[in-house]
PDB file of all heavy atoms in Angstrom:
ATOM      1  N   VAL A   1       0.825  -1.206   0.008  1.00  0.00           N
ATOM      2  CA  VAL A   1      -0.002  -0.004   0.008  1.00  0.00           C
ATOM      3  C   VAL A   1       0.891   1.266  -0.005  1.00  0.00           C
ATOM      4  O   VAL A   1       0.632   2.222  -0.690  1.00  0.00           O
ATOM      5  CB  VAL A   1      -0.946   0.008   1.226  1.00  0.00           C
ATOM      6  CG1 VAL A   1      -1.682   1.330   1.304  1.00  0.00           C
ATOM      7  CG2 VAL A   1      -1.910  -1.149   1.145  1.00  0.00           C
ATOM      8  N   GLU A   2       1.949   1.209   0.808  1.00  0.00           N
ATOM      9  CA  GLU A   2       2.812   2.379   0.906  1.00  0.00           C
ATOM     10  C   GLU A   2       3.644   2.589  -0.336  1.00  0.00           C
ATOM     11  O   GLU A   2       3.878   3.704  -0.785  1.00  0.00           O
ATOM     12  CB  GLU A   2       3.747   2.207   2.129  1.00  0.00           C
ATOM     13  CG  GLU A   2       3.011   2.226   3.430  1.00  0.00           C
ATOM     14  CD  GLU A   2       3.933   1.863   4.605  1.00  0.00           C
ATOM     15  OE1 GLU A   2       5.138   1.690   4.336  1.00  0.00           O
ATOM     16  OE2 GLU A   2       3.448   1.754   5.729  1.00  0.00           O
ATOM     17  N   ARG A   3       4.128   1.525  -0.951  1.00  0.00           N
ATOM     18  CA  ARG A   3       5.078   1.643  -2.043  1.00  0.00           C
ATOM     19  C   ARG A   3       4.396   1.746  -3.404  1.00  0.00           C
ATOM     20  O   ARG A   3       4.913   2.378  -4.312  1.00  0.00           O
ATOM     21  CB  ARG A   3       6.035   0.439  -2.080  1.00  0.00           C
ATOM     22  CG  ARG A   3       6.839   0.258  -0.816  1.00  0.00           C
ATOM     23  CD  ARG A   3       7.731  -0.942  -0.983  1.00  0.00           C
ATOM     24  NE  ARG A   3       8.338  -1.329   0.287  1.00  0.00           N
ATOM     25  CZ  ARG A   3       9.197  -2.360   0.456  1.00  0.00           C
ATOM     26  NH1 ARG A   3       9.546  -3.058  -0.594  1.00  0.00           N
ATOM     27  NH2 ARG A   3       9.683  -2.651   1.605  1.00  0.00           N
ATOM     28  N   ASP A   4       3.220   1.111  -3.533  1.00  0.00           N
ATOM     29  CA  ASP A   4       2.609   1.038  -4.860  1.00  0.00           C
ATOM     30  C   ASP A   4       1.399   1.959  -4.932  1.00  0.00           C
ATOM     31  O   ASP A   4       0.286   1.581  -4.632  1.00  0.00           O
ATOM     32  CB  ASP A   4       2.181  -0.388  -5.167  1.00  0.00           C
ATOM     33  CG  ASP A   4       3.364  -1.325  -5.288  1.00  0.00           C
ATOM     34  OD1 ASP A   4       4.502  -0.869  -5.115  1.00  0.00           O
ATOM     35  OD2 ASP A   4       3.132  -2.527  -5.527  1.00  0.00           O
ATOM     36  N   THR A   5       1.612   3.194  -5.345  1.00  0.00           N
ATOM     37  CA  THR A   5       0.521   4.164  -5.390  1.00  0.00           C
ATOM     38  C   THR A   5      -0.472   3.825  -6.493  1.00  0.00           C
ATOM     39  O   THR A   5      -1.649   4.203  -6.418  1.00  0.00           O
ATOM     40  CB  THR A   5       1.066   5.582  -5.620  1.00  0.00           C
ATOM     41  OG1 THR A   5       1.855   5.576  -6.831  1.00  0.00           O
ATOM     42  CG2 THR A   5       1.945   6.017  -4.474  1.00  0.00           C
ATOM     43  N   GLN A   6      -0.049   3.093  -7.530  1.00  0.00           N
ATOM     44  CA  GLN A   6      -0.930   2.702  -8.615  1.00  0.00           C
ATOM     45  C   GLN A   6      -1.258   1.240  -8.552  1.00  0.00           C
ATOM     46  O   GLN A   6      -1.379   0.554  -9.545  1.00  0.00           O
ATOM     47  CB  GLN A   6      -0.270   3.024  -9.955  1.00  0.00           C
ATOM     48  CG  GLN A   6       0.020   4.518 -10.171  1.00  0.00           C
ATOM     49  CD  GLN A   6      -1.243   5.311 -10.232  1.00  0.00           C
ATOM     50  OE1 GLN A   6      -2.253   4.852 -10.731  1.00  0.00           O
ATOM     51  NE2 GLN A   6      -1.206   6.532  -9.706  1.00  0.00           N
ATOM     52  N   ARG A   7      -1.385   0.705  -7.340  1.00  0.00           N
ATOM     53  CA  ARG A   7      -1.584  -0.767  -7.138  1.00  0.00           C
ATOM     54  C   ARG A   7      -2.928  -1.174  -7.731  1.00  0.00           C
ATOM     55  O   ARG A   7      -3.847  -0.365  -7.793  1.00  0.00           O
ATOM     56  CB  ARG A   7      -1.570  -1.098  -5.651  1.00  0.00           C
ATOM     57  CG  ARG A   7      -2.710  -0.430  -4.890  1.00  0.00           C
ATOM     58  CD  ARG A   7      -2.557  -0.583  -3.407  1.00  0.00           C
ATOM     59  NE  ARG A   7      -3.656  -0.023  -2.705  1.00  0.00           N
ATOM     60  CZ  ARG A   7      -3.855   1.272  -2.480  1.00  0.00           C
ATOM     61  NH1 ARG A   7      -2.993   2.132  -2.987  1.00  0.00           N
ATOM     62  NH2 ARG A   7      -4.888   1.693  -1.816  1.00  0.00           N
ATOM     63  N   PRO A   8      -3.096  -2.402  -8.107  1.00  0.00           N
ATOM     64  CA  PRO A   8      -4.403  -2.880  -8.567  1.00  0.00           C
ATOM     65  C   PRO A   8      -5.351  -2.970  -7.403  1.00  0.00           C
ATOM     66  O   PRO A   8      -4.954  -3.338  -6.292  1.00  0.00           O
ATOM     67  CB  PRO A   8      -4.092  -4.285  -9.127  1.00  0.00           C
ATOM     68  CG  PRO A   8      -2.852  -4.691  -8.420  1.00  0.00           C
ATOM     69  CD  PRO A   8      -2.050  -3.469  -8.217  1.00  0.00           C
ATOM     70  N   ARG A   9      -6.585  -2.592  -7.594  1.00  0.00           N
ATOM     71  CA  ARG A   9      -7.567  -2.685  -6.510  1.00  0.00           C
ATOM     72  C   ARG A   9      -7.874  -4.153  -6.242  1.00  0.00           C
ATOM     73  O   ARG A   9      -8.057  -4.942  -7.130  1.00  0.00           O
ATOM     74  CB  ARG A   9      -8.841  -1.948  -6.939  1.00  0.00           C
ATOM     75  CG  ARG A   9      -8.667  -0.459  -7.019  1.00  0.00           C
ATOM     76  CD  ARG A   9      -9.700   0.200  -7.893  1.00  0.00           C
ATOM     77  NE  ARG A   9     -11.038  -0.269  -7.597  1.00  0.00           N
ATOM     78  CZ  ARG A   9     -12.038   0.546  -7.185  1.00  0.00           C
ATOM     79  NH1 ARG A   9     -11.818   1.801  -7.008  1.00  0.00           N
ATOM     80  NH2 ARG A   9     -13.214   0.047  -6.967  1.00  0.00           N
ATOM     81  N   ILE A  10      -7.973  -4.491  -4.949  1.00  0.00           N
ATOM     82  CA  ILE A  10      -8.104  -5.888  -4.582  1.00  0.00           C
ATOM     83  C   ILE A  10      -9.459  -6.459  -5.024  1.00  0.00           C
ATOM     84  O   ILE A  10      -9.566  -7.646  -5.366  1.00  0.00           O
ATOM     85  CB  ILE A  10      -7.939  -6.046  -3.065  1.00  0.00           C
ATOM     86  CG1 ILE A  10      -7.578  -7.474  -2.720  1.00  0.00           C
ATOM     87  CG2 ILE A  10      -9.207  -5.604  -2.320  1.00  0.00           C
ATOM     88  CD1 ILE A  10      -6.242  -7.887  -3.247  1.00  0.00           C
ATOM     89  N   ILE A  11     -10.499  -5.598  -5.138  1.00  0.00           N
ATOM     90  CA  ILE A  11     -11.774  -6.082  -5.615  1.00  0.00           C
ATOM     91  C   ILE A  11     -11.665  -6.515  -7.101  1.00  0.00           C
ATOM     92  O   ILE A  11     -12.316  -7.428  -7.525  1.00  0.00           O
ATOM     93  CB  ILE A  11     -12.890  -5.054  -5.389  1.00  0.00           C
ATOM     94  CG1 ILE A  11     -14.263  -5.691  -5.565  1.00  0.00           C
ATOM     95  CG2 ILE A  11     -12.709  -3.875  -6.361  1.00  0.00           C
ATOM     96  CD1 ILE A  11     -15.376  -4.756  -5.179  1.00  0.00           C
ATOM     97  N   ASP A  12     -10.791  -5.830  -7.834  1.00  0.00           N
ATOM     98  CA  ASP A  12     -10.543  -6.199  -9.233  1.00  0.00           C
ATOM     99  C   ASP A  12      -9.919  -7.601  -9.300  1.00  0.00           C
ATOM    100  O   ASP A  12     -10.317  -8.424 -10.110  1.00  0.00           O
ATOM    101  CB  ASP A  12      -9.605  -5.210  -9.894  1.00  0.00           C
ATOM    102  CG  ASP A  12     -10.210  -3.826 -10.003  1.00  0.00           C
ATOM    103  OD1 ASP A  12     -11.352  -3.664  -9.587  1.00  0.00           O
ATOM    104  OD2 ASP A  12      -9.549  -2.956 -10.538  1.00  0.00           O
ATOM    105  N   LEU A  13      -8.905  -7.837  -8.422  1.00  0.00           N
ATOM    106  CA  LEU A  13      -8.261  -9.173  -8.415  1.00  0.00           C
ATOM    107  C   LEU A  13      -9.249 -10.284  -8.110  1.00  0.00           C
ATOM    108  O   LEU A  13      -9.245 -11.321  -8.738  1.00  0.00           O
ATOM    109  CB  LEU A  13      -7.122  -9.177  -7.393  1.00  0.00           C
ATOM    110  CG  LEU A  13      -5.954  -8.228  -7.700  1.00  0.00           C
ATOM    111  CD1 LEU A  13      -4.952  -8.301  -6.533  1.00  0.00           C
ATOM    112  CD2 LEU A  13      -5.271  -8.570  -8.996  1.00  0.00           C
ATOM    113  N   ARG A  14     -10.132 -10.024  -7.142  1.00  0.00           N
ATOM    114  CA  ARG A  14     -11.132 -11.047  -6.793  1.00  0.00           C
ATOM    115  C   ARG A  14     -12.067 -11.296  -7.956  1.00  0.00           C
ATOM    116  O   ARG A  14     -12.378 -12.433  -8.312  1.00  0.00           O
ATOM    117  CB  ARG A  14     -11.922 -10.591  -5.591  1.00  0.00           C
ATOM    118  CG  ARG A  14     -11.129 -10.501  -4.293  1.00  0.00           C
ATOM    119  CD  ARG A  14     -12.024 -10.253  -3.129  1.00  0.00           C
ATOM    120  NE  ARG A  14     -12.875 -11.386  -2.853  1.00  0.00           N
ATOM    121  CZ  ARG A  14     -13.901 -11.374  -1.977  1.00  0.00           C
ATOM    122  NH1 ARG A  14     -14.165 -10.251  -1.335  1.00  0.00           N
ATOM    123  NH2 ARG A  14     -14.633 -12.440  -1.797  1.00  0.00           N
ATOM    124  N   GLY A  15     -12.507 -10.215  -8.600  1.00  0.00           N
ATOM    125  CA  GLY A  15     -13.430 -10.357  -9.732  1.00  0.00           C
ATOM    126  C   GLY A  15     -12.789 -11.072 -10.887  1.00  0.00           C
ATOM    127  O   GLY A  15     -13.411 -11.988 -11.467  1.00  0.00           O
ATOM    128  N   PHE A  16     -11.582 -10.688 -11.253  1.00  0.00           N
ATOM    129  CA  PHE A  16     -10.897 -11.330 -12.370  1.00  0.00           C
ATOM    130  C   PHE A  16     -10.595 -12.794 -12.056  1.00  0.00           C
ATOM    131  O   PHE A  16     -10.648 -13.656 -12.945  1.00  0.00           O
ATOM    132  CB  PHE A  16      -9.614 -10.577 -12.739  1.00  0.00           C
ATOM    133  CG  PHE A  16      -9.843  -9.355 -13.533  1.00  0.00           C
ATOM    134  CD1 PHE A  16      -9.474  -8.119 -13.047  1.00  0.00           C
ATOM    135  CD2 PHE A  16     -10.475  -9.408 -14.778  1.00  0.00           C
ATOM    136  CE1 PHE A  16      -9.686  -6.951 -13.776  1.00  0.00           C
ATOM    137  CE2 PHE A  16     -10.717  -8.258 -15.515  1.00  0.00           C
ATOM    138  CZ  PHE A  16     -10.322  -7.042 -15.015  1.00  0.00           C
ATOM    139  N   SER A  17     -10.266 -13.107 -10.791  1.00  0.00           N
ATOM    140  CA  SER A  17     -10.001 -14.503 -10.449  1.00  0.00           C
ATOM    141  C   SER A  17     -11.234 -15.345 -10.608  1.00  0.00           C
ATOM    142  O   SER A  17     -11.180 -16.476 -11.101  1.00  0.00           O
ATOM    143  CB  SER A  17      -9.451 -14.600  -9.002  1.00  0.00           C
ATOM    144  OG  SER A  17     -10.468 -14.372  -8.061  1.00  0.00           O
ATOM    145  N   ARG A  18     -12.400 -14.799 -10.236  1.00  0.00           N
ATOM    146  CA  ARG A  18     -13.643 -15.557 -10.387  1.00  0.00           C
ATOM    147  C   ARG A  18     -13.900 -15.830 -11.862  1.00  0.00           C
ATOM    148  O   ARG A  18     -14.326 -16.923 -12.232  1.00  0.00           O
ATOM    149  CB  ARG A  18     -14.817 -14.772  -9.805  1.00  0.00           C
ATOM    150  CG  ARG A  18     -14.838 -14.763  -8.262  1.00  0.00           C
ATOM    151  CD  ARG A  18     -16.100 -14.162  -7.778  1.00  0.00           C
ATOM    152  NE  ARG A  18     -16.070 -13.876  -6.376  1.00  0.00           N
ATOM    153  CZ  ARG A  18     -17.066 -13.283  -5.707  1.00  0.00           C
ATOM    154  NH1 ARG A  18     -18.161 -12.929  -6.349  1.00  0.00           N
ATOM    155  NH2 ARG A  18     -16.953 -13.057  -4.402  1.00  0.00           N
ATOM    156  N   LEU A  19     -13.727 -14.793 -12.691  1.00  0.00           N
ATOM    157  CA  LEU A  19     -13.960 -14.982 -14.124  1.00  0.00           C
ATOM    158  C   LEU A  19     -13.010 -16.036 -14.699  1.00  0.00           C
ATOM    159  O   LEU A  19     -13.406 -16.856 -15.544  1.00  0.00           O
ATOM    160  CB  LEU A  19     -13.789 -13.666 -14.865  1.00  0.00           C
ATOM    161  CG  LEU A  19     -14.884 -12.636 -14.664  1.00  0.00           C
ATOM    162  CD1 LEU A  19     -14.527 -11.361 -15.384  1.00  0.00           C
ATOM    163  CD2 LEU A  19     -16.218 -13.167 -15.154  1.00  0.00           C
ATOM    164  N   ALA A  20     -11.744 -16.022 -14.252  1.00  0.00           N
ATOM    165  CA  ALA A  20     -10.775 -16.976 -14.763  1.00  0.00           C
ATOM    166  C   ALA A  20     -11.169 -18.402 -14.359  1.00  0.00           C
ATOM    167  O   ALA A  20     -11.050 -19.343 -15.136  1.00  0.00           O
ATOM    168  CB  ALA A  20      -9.380 -16.651 -14.235  1.00  0.00           C
ATOM    169  N   ILE A  21     -11.659 -18.557 -13.129  1.00  0.00           N
ATOM    170  CA  ILE A  21     -12.057 -19.857 -12.656  1.00  0.00           C
ATOM    171  C   ILE A  21     -13.259 -20.363 -13.444  1.00  0.00           C
ATOM    172  O   ILE A  21     -13.286 -21.502 -13.920  1.00  0.00           O
ATOM    173  CB  ILE A  21     -12.421 -19.802 -11.162  1.00  0.00           C
ATOM    174  CG1 ILE A  21     -11.133 -19.498 -10.346  1.00  0.00           C
ATOM    175  CG2 ILE A  21     -13.038 -21.098 -10.659  1.00  0.00           C
ATOM    176  CD1 ILE A  21     -11.425 -18.905  -8.991  1.00  0.00           C
ATOM    177  N   ASP A  22     -14.269 -19.481 -13.579  1.00  0.00           N
ATOM    178  CA  ASP A  22     -15.468 -19.849 -14.368  1.00  0.00           C
ATOM    179  C   ASP A  22     -15.123 -20.205 -15.807  1.00  0.00           C
ATOM    180  O   ASP A  22     -15.651 -21.124 -16.388  1.00  0.00           O
ATOM    181  CB  ASP A  22     -16.484 -18.741 -14.318  1.00  0.00           C
ATOM    182  CG  ASP A  22     -17.042 -18.512 -12.936  1.00  0.00           C
ATOM    183  OD1 ASP A  22     -16.943 -19.435 -12.099  1.00  0.00           O
ATOM    184  OD2 ASP A  22     -17.558 -17.411 -12.672  1.00  0.00           O
ATOM    185  N   ALA A  23     -14.229 -19.412 -16.377  1.00  0.00           N
ATOM    186  CA  ALA A  23     -13.808 -19.648 -17.785  1.00  0.00           C
ATOM    187  C   ALA A  23     -13.096 -21.008 -17.879  1.00  0.00           C
ATOM    188  O   ALA A  23     -13.306 -21.759 -18.840  1.00  0.00           O
ATOM    189  CB  ALA A  23     -12.893 -18.562 -18.279  1.00  0.00           C
ATOM    190  N   THR A  24     -12.235 -21.348 -16.922  1.00  0.00           N
ATOM    191  CA  THR A  24     -11.505 -22.600 -16.946  1.00  0.00           C
ATOM    192  C   THR A  24     -12.503 -23.786 -16.877  1.00  0.00           C
ATOM    193  O   THR A  24     -12.382 -24.751 -17.625  1.00  0.00           O
ATOM    194  CB  THR A  24     -10.518 -22.693 -15.783  1.00  0.00           C
ATOM    195  OG1 THR A  24      -9.625 -21.604 -15.882  1.00  0.00           O
ATOM    196  CG2 THR A  24      -9.741 -23.981 -15.829  1.00  0.00           C
ATOM    197  N   LEU A  25     -13.472 -23.686 -15.991  1.00  0.00           N
ATOM    198  CA  LEU A  25     -14.461 -24.763 -15.894  1.00  0.00           C
ATOM    199  C   LEU A  25     -15.283 -24.877 -17.166  1.00  0.00           C
ATOM    200  O   LEU A  25     -15.554 -25.973 -17.635  1.00  0.00           O
ATOM    201  CB  LEU A  25     -15.391 -24.469 -14.714  1.00  0.00           C
ATOM    202  CG  LEU A  25     -14.742 -24.644 -13.310  1.00  0.00           C
ATOM    203  CD1 LEU A  25     -15.690 -24.145 -12.236  1.00  0.00           C
ATOM    204  CD2 LEU A  25     -14.351 -26.074 -13.070  1.00  0.00           C
ATOM    205  N   GLY A  26     -15.645 -23.718 -17.721  1.00  0.00           N
ATOM    206  CA  GLY A  26     -16.401 -23.738 -18.987  1.00  0.00           C
ATOM    207  C   GLY A  26     -15.650 -24.359 -20.138  1.00  0.00           C
ATOM    208  O   GLY A  26     -16.171 -25.163 -20.899  1.00  0.00           O
ATOM    209  N   VAL A  27     -14.381 -24.007 -20.282  1.00  0.00           N
ATOM    210  CA  VAL A  27     -13.553 -24.555 -21.348  1.00  0.00           C
ATOM    211  C   VAL A  27     -13.357 -26.053 -21.125  1.00  0.00           C
ATOM    212  O   VAL A  27     -13.347 -26.832 -22.073  1.00  0.00           O
ATOM    213  CB  VAL A  27     -12.206 -23.822 -21.435  1.00  0.00           C
ATOM    214  CG1 VAL A  27     -11.266 -24.541 -22.387  1.00  0.00           C
ATOM    215  CG2 VAL A  27     -12.416 -22.408 -21.922  1.00  0.00           C
ATOM    216  N   THR A  28     -13.189 -26.468 -19.862  1.00  0.00           N
ATOM    217  CA  THR A  28     -13.054 -27.903 -19.579  1.00  0.00           C
ATOM    218  C   THR A  28     -14.269 -28.666 -20.048  1.00  0.00           C
ATOM    219  O   THR A  28     -14.168 -29.710 -20.696  1.00  0.00           O
ATOM    220  CB  THR A  28     -12.853 -28.099 -18.052  1.00  0.00           C
ATOM    221  OG1 THR A  28     -11.679 -27.411 -17.643  1.00  0.00           O
ATOM    222  CG2 THR A  28     -12.701 -29.593 -17.741  1.00  0.00           C
ATOM    223  N   ASP A  29     -15.460 -28.153 -19.739  1.00  0.00           N
ATOM    224  CA  ASP A  29     -16.691 -28.791 -20.197  1.00  0.00           C
ATOM    225  C   ASP A  29     -16.745 -28.816 -21.723  1.00  0.00           C
ATOM    226  O   ASP A  29     -17.153 -29.822 -22.336  1.00  0.00           O
ATOM    227  CB  ASP A  29     -17.899 -28.049 -19.644  1.00  0.00           C
ATOM    228  CG  ASP A  29     -18.087 -28.237 -18.157  1.00  0.00           C
ATOM    229  OD1 ASP A  29     -17.502 -29.176 -17.595  1.00  0.00           O
ATOM    230  OD2 ASP A  29     -18.817 -27.433 -17.555  1.00  0.00           O
ATOM    231  N   LEU A  30     -16.384 -27.711 -22.356  1.00  0.00           N
ATOM    232  CA  LEU A  30     -16.438 -27.639 -23.824  1.00  0.00           C
ATOM    233  C   LEU A  30     -15.521 -28.661 -24.459  1.00  0.00           C
ATOM    234  O   LEU A  30     -15.940 -29.396 -25.369  1.00  0.00           O
ATOM    235  CB  LEU A  30     -16.044 -26.209 -24.255  1.00  0.00           C
ATOM    236  CG  LEU A  30     -16.159 -25.859 -25.710  1.00  0.00           C
ATOM    237  CD1 LEU A  30     -16.441 -24.364 -25.861  1.00  0.00           C
ATOM    238  CD2 LEU A  30     -14.866 -26.161 -26.447  1.00  0.00           C
ATOM    239  N   VAL A  31     -14.292 -28.742 -24.007  1.00  0.00           N
ATOM    240  CA  VAL A  31     -13.332 -29.678 -24.594  1.00  0.00           C
ATOM    241  C   VAL A  31     -13.755 -31.127 -24.347  1.00  0.00           C
ATOM    242  O   VAL A  31     -13.649 -31.997 -25.225  1.00  0.00           O
ATOM    243  CB  VAL A  31     -11.909 -29.441 -24.027  1.00  0.00           C
ATOM    244  CG1 VAL A  31     -10.930 -30.500 -24.526  1.00  0.00           C
ATOM    245  CG2 VAL A  31     -11.418 -28.057 -24.416  1.00  0.00           C
ATOM    246  N   GLU A  32     -14.329 -31.403 -23.147  1.00  0.00           N
ATOM    247  CA  GLU A  32     -14.751 -32.743 -22.845  1.00  0.00           C
ATOM    248  C   GLU A  32     -15.920 -33.155 -23.798  1.00  0.00           C
ATOM    249  O   GLU A  32     -15.928 -34.284 -24.274  1.00  0.00           O
ATOM    250  CB  GLU A  32     -15.204 -32.866 -21.412  1.00  0.00           C
ATOM    251  CG  GLU A  32     -15.612 -34.292 -21.053  1.00  0.00           C
ATOM    252  CD  GLU A  32     -16.070 -34.445 -19.616  1.00  0.00           C
ATOM    253  OE1 GLU A  32     -16.259 -33.374 -18.954  1.00  0.00           O
ATOM    254  OE2 GLU A  32     -16.204 -35.562 -19.149  1.00  0.00           O
ATOM    255  N   THR A  33     -16.831 -32.236 -24.038  1.00  0.00           N
ATOM    256  CA  THR A  33     -17.959 -32.548 -24.944  1.00  0.00           C
ATOM    257  C   THR A  33     -17.457 -32.835 -26.329  1.00  0.00           C
ATOM    258  O   THR A  33     -17.891 -33.791 -26.998  1.00  0.00           O
ATOM    259  CB  THR A  33     -18.943 -31.371 -24.961  1.00  0.00           C
ATOM    260  OG1 THR A  33     -19.419 -31.123 -23.643  1.00  0.00           O
ATOM    261  CG2 THR A  33     -20.135 -31.688 -25.851  1.00  0.00           C
ATOM    262  N   MET A  34     -16.539 -32.006 -26.830  1.00  0.00           N
ATOM    263  CA  MET A  34     -15.982 -32.211 -28.158  1.00  0.00           C
ATOM    264  C   MET A  34     -15.265 -33.579 -28.222  1.00  0.00           C
ATOM    265  O   MET A  34     -15.404 -34.347 -29.184  1.00  0.00           O
ATOM    266  CB  MET A  34     -14.978 -31.128 -28.511  1.00  0.00           C
ATOM    267  CG  MET A  34     -14.416 -31.255 -29.932  1.00  0.00           C
ATOM    268  SD  MET A  34     -13.141 -30.028 -30.258  1.00  0.00           S
ATOM    269  CE  MET A  34     -14.109 -28.557 -30.166  1.00  0.00           C
ATOM    270  N   HIS A  35     -14.510 -33.926 -27.169  1.00  0.00           N
ATOM    271  CA  HIS A  35     -13.798 -35.185 -27.087  1.00  0.00           C
ATOM    272  C   HIS A  35     -14.777 -36.372 -27.227  1.00  0.00           C
ATOM    273  O   HIS A  35     -14.568 -37.282 -27.994  1.00  0.00           O
ATOM    274  CB  HIS A  35     -13.016 -35.288 -25.777  1.00  0.00           C
ATOM    275  CG  HIS A  35     -12.098 -36.457 -25.704  1.00  0.00           C
ATOM    276  ND1 HIS A  35     -10.877 -36.371 -25.070  1.00  0.00           N
ATOM    277  CD2 HIS A  35     -12.191 -37.702 -26.160  1.00  0.00           C
ATOM    278  CE1 HIS A  35     -10.263 -37.563 -25.157  1.00  0.00           C
ATOM    279  NE2 HIS A  35     -11.052 -38.396 -25.810  1.00  0.00           N
ATOM    280  N   ARG A  36     -15.857 -36.292 -26.481  1.00  0.00           N
ATOM    281  CA  ARG A  36     -16.848 -37.392 -26.524  1.00  0.00           C
ATOM    282  C   ARG A  36     -17.525 -37.466 -27.876  1.00  0.00           C
ATOM    283  O   ARG A  36     -17.707 -38.562 -28.435  1.00  0.00           O
ATOM    284  CB  ARG A  36     -17.886 -37.221 -25.401  1.00  0.00           C
ATOM    285  CG  ARG A  36     -18.926 -38.346 -25.420  1.00  0.00           C
ATOM    286  CD  ARG A  36     -19.839 -38.289 -24.220  1.00  0.00           C
ATOM    287  NE  ARG A  36     -20.829 -39.378 -24.322  1.00  0.00           N
ATOM    288  CZ  ARG A  36     -20.600 -40.610 -23.945  1.00  0.00           C
ATOM    289  NH1 ARG A  36     -19.427 -40.968 -23.484  1.00  0.00           N
ATOM    290  NH2 ARG A  36     -21.555 -41.514 -24.044  1.00  0.00           N
ATOM    291  N   ASN A  37     -17.906 -36.314 -28.451  1.00  0.00           N
ATOM    292  CA  ASN A  37     -18.624 -36.357 -29.742  1.00  0.00           C
ATOM    293  C   ASN A  37     -17.740 -36.907 -30.838  1.00  0.00           C
ATOM    294  O   ASN A  37     -18.218 -37.664 -31.721  1.00  0.00           O
ATOM    295  CB  ASN A  37     -19.077 -34.904 -30.120  1.00  0.00           C
ATOM    296  CG  ASN A  37     -20.242 -34.470 -29.306  1.00  0.00           C
ATOM    297  OD1 ASN A  37     -21.002 -35.290 -28.776  1.00  0.00           O
ATOM    298  ND2 ASN A  37     -20.430 -33.176 -29.177  1.00  0.00           N
ATOM    299  N   ILE A  38     -16.455 -36.587 -30.848  1.00  0.00           N
ATOM    300  CA  ILE A  38     -15.545 -37.123 -31.861  1.00  0.00           C
ATOM    301  C   ILE A  38     -15.283 -38.603 -31.646  1.00  0.00           C
ATOM    302  O   ILE A  38     -15.253 -39.405 -32.566  1.00  0.00           O
ATOM    303  CB  ILE A  38     -14.223 -36.343 -31.878  1.00  0.00           C
ATOM    304  CG1 ILE A  38     -14.478 -34.889 -32.326  1.00  0.00           C
ATOM    305  CG2 ILE A  38     -13.207 -36.981 -32.788  1.00  0.00           C
ATOM    306  CD1 ILE A  38     -13.287 -33.994 -32.250  1.00  0.00           C
TER     307      ILE A  38
END
């Protein structure tokens, strides 16, 4: 906090982490479906 005056806001990190997690799960489902269909 003291050294980084332009630090990323922590609420942003939480939000982006949730999106990354949801995206990973979604892509996992997508690839698995394609694997089974082929």
